[in-house]
Amino acid sequence: MKVHLKHPSGFQKITKAGFSWTVFFFAFLPPLFRGDWKWALIMLILAPITLGLSTLVFSFIYNGIYIRGLLLAGYEPADEQSKYVLARKGHIAG
């Protein structure tokens, strides 16, 4: 499910909600390309320590982490469908 988010400054982002196949296959690279340096570094450090198990865990939770970060940065749902998905996933009050 794709979520459209908009910032009051006019920036818009489209991201997926739910399981992250990109994190599953490419580990810390998706956060790195999204400019999410903190989580890219955390994933990079944890992967060798946990023998890659952390990558599987982050596949389930990273998109939610990224969306919550955007919401905290001032982004809001751009349409009713996105608002519904975010409420259903527990990111915003429905």
C-alpha atoms as a PDB file:
ATOM      1  CA  MET A   1       0.000   0.000   0.000  1.00  0.00           C
ATOM      2  CA  LYS A   2       1.441   3.310  -1.028  1.00  0.00           C
ATOM      3  CA  VAL A   3       1.053   6.374   1.130  1.00  0.00           C
ATOM      4  CA  HIS A   4       1.231   9.925  -0.226  1.00  0.00           C
ATOM      5  CA  LEU A   5       2.555  12.468   2.263  1.00  0.00           C
ATOM      6  CA  LYS A   6       2.856  16.232   1.833  1.00  0.00           C
ATOM      7  CA  HIS A   7       4.784  18.839   3.778  1.00  0.00           C
ATOM      8  CA  PRO A   8       3.445  22.380   4.322  1.00  0.00           C
ATOM      9  CA  SER A   9       6.467  23.665   2.369  1.00  0.00           C
ATOM     10  CA  GLY A  10       5.189  21.834  -0.723  1.00  0.00           C
ATOM     11  CA  PHE A  11       7.423  18.760  -0.699  1.00  0.00           C
ATOM     12  CA  GLN A  12       5.681  15.455  -1.311  1.00  0.00           C
ATOM     13  CA  LYS A  13       6.825  11.910  -0.632  1.00  0.00           C
ATOM     14  CA  ILE A  14       5.374   8.582  -1.671  1.00  0.00           C
ATOM     15  CA  THR A  15       6.306   5.611   0.480  1.00  0.00           C
ATOM     16  CA  LYS A  16       5.018   2.141   1.128  1.00  0.00           C
ATOM     17  CA  ALA A  17       3.392   1.036   4.354  1.00  0.00           C
ATOM     18  CA  GLY A  18       3.996  -2.509   5.550  1.00  0.00           C
ATOM     19  CA  PHE A  19       6.727  -5.031   4.772  1.00  0.00           C
ATOM     20  CA  SER A  20       9.849  -3.583   3.117  1.00  0.00           C
ATOM     21  CA  TRP A  21      11.132  -5.861   0.382  1.00  0.00           C
ATOM     22  CA  THR A  22      13.917  -3.403  -0.376  1.00  0.00           C
ATOM     23  CA  VAL A  23      15.278  -3.662   3.175  1.00  0.00           C
ATOM     24  CA  PHE A  24      14.877  -7.449   3.000  1.00  0.00           C
ATOM     25  CA  PHE A  25      17.056  -7.677  -0.128  1.00  0.00           C
ATOM     26  CA  PHE A  26      19.379  -4.676   0.258  1.00  0.00           C
ATOM     27  CA  ALA A  27      19.662  -4.233   4.062  1.00  0.00           C
ATOM     28  CA  PHE A  28      20.867  -0.717   4.952  1.00  0.00           C
ATOM     29  CA  LEU A  29      20.839   0.717   1.398  1.00  0.00           C
ATOM     30  CA  PRO A  30      17.170   1.865   1.243  1.00  0.00           C
ATOM     31  CA  PRO A  31      17.506   4.081   4.350  1.00  0.00           C
ATOM     32  CA  LEU A  32      20.800   5.370   2.965  1.00  0.00           C
ATOM     33  CA  PHE A  33      19.202   6.346  -0.374  1.00  0.00           C
ATOM     34  CA  ARG A  34      16.226   7.927   1.428  1.00  0.00           C
ATOM     35  CA  GLY A  35      18.597  10.118   3.425  1.00  0.00           C
ATOM     36  CA  ASP A  36      17.676   8.369   6.664  1.00  0.00           C
ATOM     37  CA  TRP A  37      21.280   8.291   7.925  1.00  0.00           C
ATOM     38  CA  LYS A  38      20.499   7.308  11.503  1.00  0.00           C
ATOM     39  CA  TRP A  39      18.660   4.099  10.592  1.00  0.00           C
ATOM     40  CA  ALA A  40      21.105   3.237   7.816  1.00  0.00           C
ATOM     41  CA  LEU A  41      23.927   3.380  10.360  1.00  0.00           C
ATOM     42  CA  ILE A  42      21.972   1.357  12.932  1.00  0.00           C
ATOM     43  CA  MET A  43      21.229  -1.347  10.356  1.00  0.00           C
ATOM     44  CA  LEU A  44      24.827  -1.363   9.147  1.00  0.00           C
ATOM     45  CA  ILE A  45      26.122  -1.869  12.687  1.00  0.00           C
ATOM     46  CA  LEU A  46      23.539  -4.471  13.743  1.00  0.00           C
ATOM     47  CA  ALA A  47      23.648  -6.720  10.653  1.00  0.00           C
ATOM     48  CA  PRO A  48      27.064  -8.322  11.334  1.00  0.00           C
ATOM     49  CA  ILE A  49      26.431  -8.522  15.078  1.00  0.00           C
ATOM     50  CA  THR A  50      23.139 -10.398  14.620  1.00  0.00           C
ATOM     51  CA  LEU A  51      24.365 -12.420  11.620  1.00  0.00           C
ATOM     52  CA  GLY A  52      21.775 -10.765   9.373  1.00  0.00           C
ATOM     53  CA  LEU A  53      18.761 -11.516  11.566  1.00  0.00           C
ATOM     54  CA  SER A  54      18.272  -7.798  12.199  1.00  0.00           C
ATOM     55  CA  THR A  55      17.705  -7.302   8.464  1.00  0.00           C
ATOM     56  CA  LEU A  56      14.730  -9.648   8.621  1.00  0.00           C
ATOM     57  CA  VAL A  57      13.333  -7.783  11.635  1.00  0.00           C
ATOM     58  CA  PHE A  58      13.867  -4.380  10.008  1.00  0.00           C
ATOM     59  CA  SER A  59      12.060  -5.632   6.890  1.00  0.00           C
ATOM     60  CA  PHE A  60       8.895  -5.749   8.966  1.00  0.00           C
ATOM     61  CA  ILE A  61       9.328  -2.464  10.859  1.00  0.00           C
ATOM     62  CA  TYR A  62      11.416  -0.033   8.790  1.00  0.00           C
ATOM     63  CA  ASN A  63       8.663   1.460   6.616  1.00  0.00           C
ATOM     64  CA  GLY A  64       6.710   2.288   9.775  1.00  0.00           C
ATOM     65  CA  ILE A  65       9.785   3.877  11.332  1.00  0.00           C
ATOM     66  CA  TYR A  66      10.337   5.960   8.196  1.00  0.00           C
ATOM     67  CA  ILE A  67       6.686   7.077   8.024  1.00  0.00           C
ATOM     68  CA  ARG A  68       6.656   8.083  11.719  1.00  0.00           C
ATOM     69  CA  GLY A  69       9.821  10.095  11.117  1.00  0.00           C
ATOM     70  CA  LEU A  70       8.181  11.927   8.227  1.00  0.00           C
ATOM     71  CA  LEU A  71       5.057  12.614  10.290  1.00  0.00           C
ATOM     72  CA  LEU A  72       7.204  14.023  13.093  1.00  0.00           C
ATOM     73  CA  ALA A  73       8.957  16.234  10.517  1.00  0.00           C
ATOM     74  CA  GLY A  74       5.599  17.830   9.634  1.00  0.00           C
ATOM     75  CA  TYR A  75       4.367  15.674   6.765  1.00  0.00           C
ATOM     76  CA  GLU A  76       0.645  14.943   6.578  1.00  0.00           C
ATOM     77  CA  PRO A  77      -1.465  12.544   4.503  1.00  0.00           C
ATOM     78  CA  ALA A  78      -2.028  14.037   1.058  1.00  0.00           C
ATOM     79  CA  ASP A  79      -5.346  12.270   0.400  1.00  0.00           C
ATOM     80  CA  GLU A  80      -8.092  10.316   2.143  1.00  0.00           C
ATOM     81  CA  GLN A  81      -6.738   6.932   1.051  1.00  0.00           C
ATOM     82  CA  SER A  82      -3.346   7.707   2.622  1.00  0.00           C
ATOM     83  CA  LYS A  83      -5.059   8.945   5.779  1.00  0.00           C
ATOM     84  CA  TYR A  84      -7.061   5.707   5.961  1.00  0.00           C
ATOM     85  CA  VAL A  85      -3.946   3.527   5.482  1.00  0.00           C
ATOM     86  CA  LEU A  86      -1.976   5.464   8.116  1.00  0.00           C
ATOM     87  CA  ALA A  87      -4.858   5.200  10.590  1.00  0.00           C
ATOM     88  CA  ARG A  88      -5.252   1.482   9.913  1.00  0.00           C
ATOM     89  CA  LYS A  89      -1.527   0.892  10.459  1.00  0.00           C
ATOM     90  CA  GLY A  90      -1.659   2.905  13.707  1.00  0.00           C
ATOM     91  CA  HIS A  91       0.554   5.802  12.609  1.00  0.00           C
ATOM     92  CA  ILE A  92      -2.135   8.457  13.122  1.00  0.00           C
ATOM     93  CA  ALA A  93      -5.407   8.693  15.028  1.00  0.00           C
ATOM     94  CA  GLY A  94      -8.298   7.582  12.878  1.00  0.00           C
END
